[in-house]
C-alpha atoms as a PDB file:
ATOM      1  CA  MET A   1      93.535  76.671  87.079  1.00  0.00           C
ATOM      2  CA  PHE A   2      96.968  78.259  87.298  1.00  0.00           C
ATOM      3  CA  SER A   3      99.329  78.949  84.378  1.00  0.00           C
ATOM      4  CA  PRO A   4     102.943  77.806  84.851  1.00  0.00           C
ATOM      5  CA  LYS A   5     103.789  81.707  85.670  1.00  0.00           C
ATOM      6  CA  GLY A   6     101.161  81.401  88.375  1.00  0.00           C
ATOM      7  CA  PRO A   7     101.713  81.031  92.274  1.00  0.00           C
ATOM      8  CA  SER A   8     102.663  78.119  93.959  1.00  0.00           C
ATOM      9  CA  MET A   9     100.600  76.297  96.341  1.00  0.00           C
ATOM     10  CA  ARG A  10     102.827  77.561  99.249  1.00  0.00           C
ATOM     11  CA  GLU A  11     102.651  81.429  98.044  1.00  0.00           C
ATOM     12  CA  LEU A  12      98.917  80.782  98.028  1.00  0.00           C
ATOM     13  CA  VAL A  13      98.727  79.379 101.634  1.00  0.00           C
ATOM     14  CA  VAL A  14     101.242  82.266 102.963  1.00  0.00           C
ATOM     15  CA  GLN A  15      98.800  84.914 101.020  1.00  0.00           C
ATOM     16  CA  ALA A  16      95.667  83.147 102.646  1.00  0.00           C
ATOM     17  CA  LEU A  17      97.282  83.591 106.181  1.00  0.00           C
ATOM     18  CA  SER A  18      97.690  87.248 105.552  1.00  0.00           C
ATOM     19  CA  SER A  19      95.654  90.239 105.626  1.00  0.00           C
ATOM     20  CA  VAL A  20      93.769  91.102 102.593  1.00  0.00           C
ATOM     21  CA  GLU A  21      96.124  94.009 101.922  1.00  0.00           C
ATOM     22  CA  ARG A  22      99.293  92.071 102.503  1.00  0.00           C
ATOM     23  CA  GLY A  23      97.836  89.183 100.713  1.00  0.00           C
ATOM     24  CA  TYR A  24      97.383  91.116  97.552  1.00  0.00           C
ATOM     25  CA  ASP A  25     100.813  92.692  97.874  1.00  0.00           C
ATOM     26  CA  LEU A  26     102.402  89.270  97.997  1.00  0.00           C
ATOM     27  CA  LEU A  27     100.163  87.867  95.165  1.00  0.00           C
ATOM     28  CA  ALA A  28     100.787  91.008  92.780  1.00  0.00           C
ATOM     29  CA  PRO A  29     103.620  89.955  90.500  1.00  0.00           C
ATOM     30  CA  LYS A  30     101.777  86.807  89.724  1.00  0.00           C
ATOM     31  CA  PHE A  31      98.220  87.852  89.813  1.00  0.00           C
ATOM     32  CA  ASP A  32      97.546  88.198  86.178  1.00  0.00           C
ATOM     33  CA  HIS A  33      98.527  84.530  85.845  1.00  0.00           C
ATOM     34  CA  THR A  34      95.720  83.306  88.178  1.00  0.00           C
ATOM     35  CA  PRO A  35      91.935  82.574  87.910  1.00  0.00           C
ATOM     36  CA  PHE A  36      91.392  85.733  90.193  1.00  0.00           C
ATOM     37  CA  ARG A  37      91.857  88.287  87.592  1.00  0.00           C
ATOM     38  CA  THR A  38      88.857  88.879  85.605  1.00  0.00           C
ATOM     39  CA  PRO A  39      88.656  87.199  82.442  1.00  0.00           C
ATOM     40  CA  ASP A  40      88.830  89.420  79.306  1.00  0.00           C
ATOM     41  CA  LEU A  41      85.496  88.021  78.057  1.00  0.00           C
ATOM     42  CA  VAL A  42      83.811  89.466  81.115  1.00  0.00           C
ATOM     43  CA  LEU A  43      85.626  92.699  80.470  1.00  0.00           C
ATOM     44  CA  ASP A  44      84.892  92.903  76.797  1.00  0.00           C
ATOM     45  CA  ALA A  45      81.228  92.031  77.688  1.00  0.00           C
ATOM     46  CA  THR A  46      81.003  95.092  80.007  1.00  0.00           C
ATOM     47  CA  ALA A  47      82.622  97.353  77.504  1.00  0.00           C
ATOM     48  CA  ASP A  48      79.935  96.391  74.816  1.00  0.00           C
ATOM     49  CA  ALA A  49      77.186  97.012  77.231  1.00  0.00           C
ATOM     50  CA  LEU A  50      78.372 100.255  78.478  1.00  0.00           C
ATOM     51  CA  ARG A  51      79.432 101.675  74.831  1.00  0.00           C
ATOM     52  CA  PRO A  52      75.957 102.809  73.834  1.00  0.00           C
ATOM     53  CA  LEU A  53      75.501 104.554  77.066  1.00  0.00           C
ATOM     54  CA  GLY A  54      78.670 106.784  76.694  1.00  0.00           C
ATOM     55  CA  PRO A  55      80.934 108.435  75.677  1.00  0.00           C
ATOM     56  CA  PHE A  56      81.736 109.120  79.329  1.00  0.00           C
ATOM     57  CA  GLY A  57      83.969 111.970  80.776  1.00  0.00           C
ATOM     58  CA  ARG A  58      86.314 110.809  83.524  1.00  0.00           C
ATOM     59  CA  GLY A  59      86.291 107.196  84.463  1.00  0.00           C
ATOM     60  CA  LEU A  60      87.208 105.417  87.994  1.00  0.00           C
ATOM     61  CA  ASP A  61      88.035 101.757  88.561  1.00  0.00           C
ATOM     62  CA  VAL A  62      87.378 100.831  92.159  1.00  0.00           C
ATOM     63  CA  CYS A  63      89.464  98.021  93.546  1.00  0.00           C
ATOM     64  CA  CYS A  64      91.452  98.265  90.356  1.00  0.00           C
ATOM     65  CA  GLY A  65      94.150  95.603  91.047  1.00  0.00           C
ATOM     66  CA  THR A  66      96.682  95.260  88.605  1.00  0.00           C
ATOM     67  CA  GLY A  67      94.523  97.559  86.317  1.00  0.00           C
ATOM     68  CA  ALA A  68      92.571  95.202  83.972  1.00  0.00           C
ATOM     69  CA  GLY A  69      89.531  97.536  84.010  1.00  0.00           C
ATOM     70  CA  ALA A  70      91.821 100.324  82.507  1.00  0.00           C
ATOM     71  CA  ARG A  71      91.938  98.358  79.313  1.00  0.00           C
ATOM     72  CA  ILE A  72      88.182  99.026  78.868  1.00  0.00           C
ATOM     73  CA  LEU A  73      87.554 102.411  80.521  1.00  0.00           C
ATOM     74  CA  GLN A  74      90.189 104.187  78.499  1.00  0.00           C
ATOM     75  CA  PRO A  75      88.427 103.775  75.128  1.00  0.00           C
ATOM     76  CA  LEU A  76      84.921 104.519  76.927  1.00  0.00           C
ATOM     77  CA  CYS A  77      86.211 107.611  78.600  1.00  0.00           C
ATOM     78  CA  ARG A  78      87.101 111.078  76.976  1.00  0.00           C
ATOM     79  CA  GLY A  79      88.676 112.325  80.430  1.00  0.00           C
ATOM     80  CA  ARG A  80      91.626 110.589  82.186  1.00  0.00           C
ATOM     81  CA  VAL A  81      90.931 107.162  83.878  1.00  0.00           C
ATOM     82  CA  THR A  82      91.827 106.516  87.723  1.00  0.00           C
ATOM     83  CA  GLY A  83      92.414 103.304  89.567  1.00  0.00           C
ATOM     84  CA  VAL A  84      92.033 102.937  93.459  1.00  0.00           C
ATOM     85  CA  ASP A  85      93.198 100.022  95.370  1.00  0.00           C
ATOM     86  CA  PHE A  86      94.777  99.788  98.957  1.00  0.00           C
ATOM     87  CA  SER A  87      97.327  97.413  97.587  1.00  0.00           C
ATOM     88  CA  ALA A  88     100.642  98.933  96.624  1.00  0.00           C
ATOM     89  CA  GLY A  89     101.994  95.879  95.090  1.00  0.00           C
ATOM     90  CA  MET A  90      98.834  95.744  92.795  1.00  0.00           C
ATOM     91  CA  LEU A  91      99.192  99.458  92.167  1.00  0.00           C
ATOM     92  CA  ALA A  92     102.523  99.111  90.793  1.00  0.00           C
ATOM     93  CA  ARG A  93     101.553  96.371  88.596  1.00  0.00           C
ATOM     94  CA  ALA A  94      98.927  98.507  87.326  1.00  0.00           C
ATOM     95  CA  ARG A  95     101.062 101.515  86.787  1.00  0.00           C
ATOM     96  CA  ARG A  96     103.678  99.557  84.812  1.00  0.00           C
ATOM     97  CA  ALA A  97     100.884  98.306  82.725  1.00  0.00           C
ATOM     98  CA  HIS A  98      98.912 101.784  82.050  1.00  0.00           C
ATOM     99  CA  PRO A  99     101.152 104.499  82.784  1.00  0.00           C
ATOM    100  CA  ASP A 100      98.908 107.095  81.069  1.00  0.00           C
ATOM    101  CA  ALA A 101      96.094 106.541  84.006  1.00  0.00           C
ATOM    102  CA  GLY A 102      96.065 107.664  87.355  1.00  0.00           C
ATOM    103  CA  TRP A 103      96.556 105.416  90.275  1.00  0.00           C
ATOM    104  CA  VAL A 104      95.516 106.100  93.708  1.00  0.00           C
ATOM    105  CA  ARG A 105      96.202 104.117  97.007  1.00  0.00           C
ATOM    106  CA  ALA A 106      93.187 104.491  99.410  1.00  0.00           C
ATOM    107  CA  ASP A 107      90.628 102.332 101.376  1.00  0.00           C
ATOM    108  CA  VAL A 108      87.652 102.171  98.960  1.00  0.00           C
ATOM    109  CA  ARG A 109      85.607 102.160 102.013  1.00  0.00           C
ATOM    110  CA  ASP A 110      86.601 105.931 102.509  1.00  0.00           C
ATOM    111  CA  LEU A 111      87.068 107.133  98.880  1.00  0.00           C
ATOM    112  CA  PRO A 112      88.924 110.591  98.573  1.00  0.00           C
ATOM    113  CA  PHE A 113      86.894 111.764  95.729  1.00  0.00           C
ATOM    114  CA  ASP A 114      84.063 114.253  95.484  1.00  0.00           C
ATOM    115  CA  GLY A 115      81.967 114.832  92.272  1.00  0.00           C
ATOM    116  CA  SER A 116      84.912 113.858  89.981  1.00  0.00           C
ATOM    117  CA  PHE A 117      83.946 111.076  87.925  1.00  0.00           C
ATOM    118  CA  ASP A 118      81.202 110.070  85.164  1.00  0.00           C
ATOM    119  CA  LEU A 119      81.639 106.476  85.345  1.00  0.00           C
ATOM    120  CA  ALA A 120      82.935 104.143  88.021  1.00  0.00           C
ATOM    121  CA  VAL A 121      83.427 100.254  87.589  1.00  0.00           C
ATOM    122  CA  THR A 122      84.396  97.509  89.732  1.00  0.00           C
ATOM    123  CA  PHE A 123      85.327  94.027  88.947  1.00  0.00           C
ATOM    124  CA  GLY A 124      85.327  91.033  91.225  1.00  0.00           C
ATOM    125  CA  ALA A 125      85.483  93.009  94.516  1.00  0.00           C
ATOM    126  CA  LEU A 126      82.342  92.892  96.366  1.00  0.00           C
ATOM    127  CA  GLY A 127      83.302  89.611  98.025  1.00  0.00           C
ATOM    128  CA  HIS A 128      86.214  91.348  99.774  1.00  0.00           C
ATOM    129  CA  PHE A 129      83.480  93.445 101.754  1.00  0.00           C
ATOM    130  CA  LEU A 130      81.411  92.125 104.439  1.00  0.00           C
ATOM    131  CA  PRO A 131      77.371  92.980 103.862  1.00  0.00           C
ATOM    132  CA  ALA A 132      77.881  95.605 106.828  1.00  0.00           C
ATOM    133  CA  GLU A 133      80.786  97.500 104.856  1.00  0.00           C
ATOM    134  CA  ARG A 134      79.114  97.782 101.530  1.00  0.00           C
ATOM    135  CA  PRO A 135      76.936 100.807 102.546  1.00  0.00           C
ATOM    136  CA  ALA A 136      80.142 103.006 103.240  1.00  0.00           C
ATOM    137  CA  LEU A 137      81.591 101.417  99.781  1.00  0.00           C
ATOM    138  CA  PHE A 138      78.378 102.603  97.766  1.00  0.00           C
ATOM    139  CA  ALA A 139      78.301 105.849  99.433  1.00  0.00           C
ATOM    140  CA  GLY A 140      82.073 106.504  98.670  1.00  0.00           C
ATOM    141  CA  VAL A 141      81.159 105.883  94.995  1.00  0.00           C
ATOM    142  CA  HIS A 142      78.131 107.917  94.919  1.00  0.00           C
ATOM    143  CA  ARG A 143      80.068 110.831  96.315  1.00  0.00           C
ATOM    144  CA  ALA A 144      82.812 110.505  93.778  1.00  0.00           C
ATOM    145  CA  LEU A 145      80.204 110.584  90.723  1.00  0.00           C
ATOM    146  CA  ARG A 146      78.994 113.427  89.159  1.00  0.00           C
ATOM    147  CA  PRO A 147      75.091 114.002  88.958  1.00  0.00           C
ATOM    148  CA  ASP A 148      73.698 111.327  86.567  1.00  0.00           C
ATOM    149  CA  GLY A 149      76.947 109.476  86.934  1.00  0.00           C
ATOM    150  CA  LEU A 150      77.137 105.701  86.344  1.00  0.00           C
ATOM    151  CA  PHE A 151      78.428 102.737  88.787  1.00  0.00           C
ATOM    152  CA  ALA A 152      78.539  99.797  86.936  1.00  0.00           C
ATOM    153  CA  PHE A 153      79.770  96.182  87.436  1.00  0.00           C
ATOM    154  CA  PRO A 154      78.885  92.612  86.412  1.00  0.00           C
ATOM    155  CA  ILE A 155      77.402  89.909  88.861  1.00  0.00           C
ATOM    156  CA  GLY A 156      76.872  86.479  88.373  1.00  0.00           C
ATOM    157  CA  ALA A 157      73.793  84.669  88.389  1.00  0.00           C
ATOM    158  CA  PRO A 158      73.486  82.103  91.460  1.00  0.00           C
ATOM    159  CA  ALA A 159      74.992  78.886  91.037  1.00  0.00           C
ATOM    160  CA  PRO A 160      71.992  75.955  90.889  1.00  0.00           C
ATOM    161  CA  VAL A 161      72.125  74.039  94.063  1.00  0.00           C
ATOM    162  CA  THR A 162      72.765  70.857  91.995  1.00  0.00           C
ATOM    163  CA  SER A 163      75.842  72.208  90.528  1.00  0.00           C
ATOM    164  CA  GLY A 164      79.389  71.348  91.622  1.00  0.00           C
ATOM    165  CA  ARG A 165      79.844  75.034  91.249  1.00  0.00           C
ATOM    166  CA  TYR A 166      77.580  75.662  94.068  1.00  0.00           C
ATOM    167  CA  TRP A 167      79.108  73.433  96.310  1.00  0.00           C
ATOM    168  CA  ALA A 168      82.632  74.408  95.697  1.00  0.00           C
ATOM    169  CA  MET A 169      81.666  78.084  96.557  1.00  0.00           C
ATOM    170  CA  LEU A 170      79.856  77.145  99.786  1.00  0.00           C
ATOM    171  CA  GLY A 171      82.886  74.843 100.898  1.00  0.00           C
ATOM    172  CA  PHE A 172      85.249  78.053 100.114  1.00  0.00           C
ATOM    173  CA  ASP A 173      82.974  80.581 102.196  1.00  0.00           C
ATOM    174  CA  LEU A 174      82.764  77.819 104.982  1.00  0.00           C
ATOM    175  CA  ALA A 175      86.568  77.185 104.862  1.00  0.00           C
ATOM    176  CA  MET A 176      87.025  81.400 104.989  1.00  0.00           C
ATOM    177  CA  ARG A 177      84.796  81.453 107.992  1.00  0.00           C
ATOM    178  CA  VAL A 178      86.845  78.864 110.003  1.00  0.00           C
ATOM    179  CA  ARG A 179      90.063  80.265 109.100  1.00  0.00           C
ATOM    180  CA  ASN A 180      88.957  83.929 109.875  1.00  0.00           C
ATOM    181  CA  ALA A 181      87.611  82.638 113.546  1.00  0.00           C
ATOM    182  CA  VAL A 182      90.629  80.997 114.411  1.00  0.00           C
ATOM    183  CA  TRP A 183      93.470  83.168 112.687  1.00  0.00           C
ATOM    184  CA  ARG A 184      94.160  86.738 112.528  1.00  0.00           C
ATOM    185  CA  PRO A 185      94.276  88.999 110.605  1.00  0.00           C
ATOM    186  CA  PRO A 186      91.400  88.142 108.927  1.00  0.00           C
ATOM    187  CA  PHE A 187      91.017  87.394 105.102  1.00  0.00           C
ATOM    188  CA  VAL A 188      87.814  88.702 103.679  1.00  0.00           C
ATOM    189  CA  MET A 189      86.658  86.789 100.737  1.00  0.00           C
ATOM    190  CA  TYR A 190      83.345  85.279 100.247  1.00  0.00           C
ATOM    191  CA  TYR A 191      81.333  84.307  97.278  1.00  0.00           C
ATOM    192  CA  GLY A 192      77.751  84.155  98.940  1.00  0.00           C
ATOM    193  CA  THR A 193      77.578  87.631 100.730  1.00  0.00           C
ATOM    194  CA  CYS A 194      76.649  89.638  97.699  1.00  0.00           C
ATOM    195  CA  PRO A 195      73.471  88.292  95.879  1.00  0.00           C
ATOM    196  CA  LEU A 196      71.878  90.986  93.594  1.00  0.00           C
ATOM    197  CA  HIS A 197      68.686  91.526  95.744  1.00  0.00           C
ATOM    198  CA  ALA A 198      71.065  92.760  98.769  1.00  0.00           C
ATOM    199  CA  VAL A 199      73.419  94.636  96.563  1.00  0.00           C
ATOM    200  CA  ARG A 200      70.460  96.299  94.897  1.00  0.00           C
ATOM    201  CA  ALA A 201      68.928  97.310  98.295  1.00  0.00           C
ATOM    202  CA  ASP A 202      72.195  98.637  99.474  1.00  0.00           C
ATOM    203  CA  LEU A 203      72.681 100.717  96.227  1.00  0.00           C
ATOM    204  CA  SER A 204      69.174 102.151  96.254  1.00  0.00           C
ATOM    205  CA  ALA A 205      69.786 103.060  99.858  1.00  0.00           C
ATOM    206  CA  ALA A 206      72.877 104.734  99.000  1.00  0.00           C
ATOM    207  CA  GLY A 207      70.864 107.326  96.326  1.00  0.00           C
ATOM    208  CA  PHE A 208      71.330 105.219  93.294  1.00  0.00           C
ATOM    209  CA  THR A 209      68.546 104.122  90.656  1.00  0.00           C
ATOM    210  CA  VAL A 210      69.302 100.667  89.977  1.00  0.00           C
ATOM    211  CA  THR A 211      68.464  98.640  86.685  1.00  0.00           C
ATOM    212  CA  THR A 212      70.429  95.629  85.125  1.00  0.00           C
ATOM    213  CA  VAL A 213      71.029  94.425  81.629  1.00  0.00           C
ATOM    214  CA  PRO A 214      71.898  90.723  80.748  1.00  0.00           C
ATOM    215  CA  LEU A 215      75.489  90.240  79.526  1.00  0.00           C
ATOM    216  CA  THR A 216      74.325  87.604  76.861  1.00  0.00           C
ATOM    217  CA  ALA A 217      77.962  87.044  75.471  1.00  0.00           C
ATOM    218  CA  LEU A 218      78.469  85.302  78.658  1.00  0.00           C
ATOM    219  CA  GLY A 219      75.984  82.551  78.018  1.00  0.00           C
ATOM    220  CA  ARG A 220      72.632  81.505  79.599  1.00  0.00           C
ATOM    221  CA  ARG A 221      71.668  78.877  82.260  1.00  0.00           C
ATOM    222  CA  GLU A 222      69.584  75.944  81.393  1.00  0.00           C
ATOM    223  CA  ASP A 223      66.403  77.898  82.384  1.00  0.00           C
ATOM    224  CA  GLY A 224      67.338  80.708  79.938  1.00  0.00           C
ATOM    225  CA  SER A 225      68.305  83.114  82.398  1.00  0.00           C
ATOM    226  CA  PRO A 226      71.571  84.876  81.659  1.00  0.00           C
ATOM    227  CA  ARG A 227      74.648  83.774  83.593  1.00  0.00           C
ATOM    228  CA  CYS A 228      75.669  87.380  84.464  1.00  0.00           C
ATOM    229  CA  ARG A 229      73.973  90.425  84.325  1.00  0.00           C
ATOM    230  CA  LEU A 230      75.582  94.184  84.505  1.00  0.00           C
ATOM    231  CA  VAL A 231      74.344  96.422  87.446  1.00  0.00           C
ATOM    232  CA  LEU A 232      73.733  99.838  86.302  1.00  0.00           C
ATOM    233  CA  ALA A 233      73.691 102.114  89.150  1.00  0.00           C
ATOM    234  CA  ARG A 234      72.841 105.786  88.148  1.00  0.00           C
ATOM    235  CA  LYS A 235      73.384 108.718  90.506  1.00  0.00           C
ATOM    236  CA  SER A 236      70.102 110.601  90.672  1.00  0.00           C
END
């Protein structure tokens, strides 16, 4: 799963026993060499789906990490691209990789923007928010967008119960719940807390009109349904 340049098992354990912010500060120098970074295949499929809907003005990458999303946002947006994250370590890596973008350190549950962006994206971050925290996140993104602005992110189809992937994710979530019950500070990262129907309901409650499109480049499941969809939440 990890390249030789990735973190050691000891480094991963130290990260897992830290807070989310401190954990990502520690992981930042080697993050791009882990499977936690959003694969280029997912980024490119997202860009392909968004391109016919543009061009866009200013772009915002929510929970930007080391800045992988900037690679697709910059060609899609005529205006400046901004990334926001609360990990100083991740932002430092993003700043070095994309010095022409803007990088803001902030808690995305309280975004410091108001009507500034035409397109917002996020990749692989929703599992870091408990269901009770999503309304604040989505309300902040809604506030950050201009009228008719778009919030887009990929979301995977649920794994079949008979698959090893399903049981691996369930086991991970259970392990994290036990860890957070007995250890402080908590490290919030769950795979099973953001199903599409719940995310859609929270987006609608925040004032978005929600549709989805299949990311067919990422393949289909045995029943023919897409493995991944792109959520398109439009600010009414």
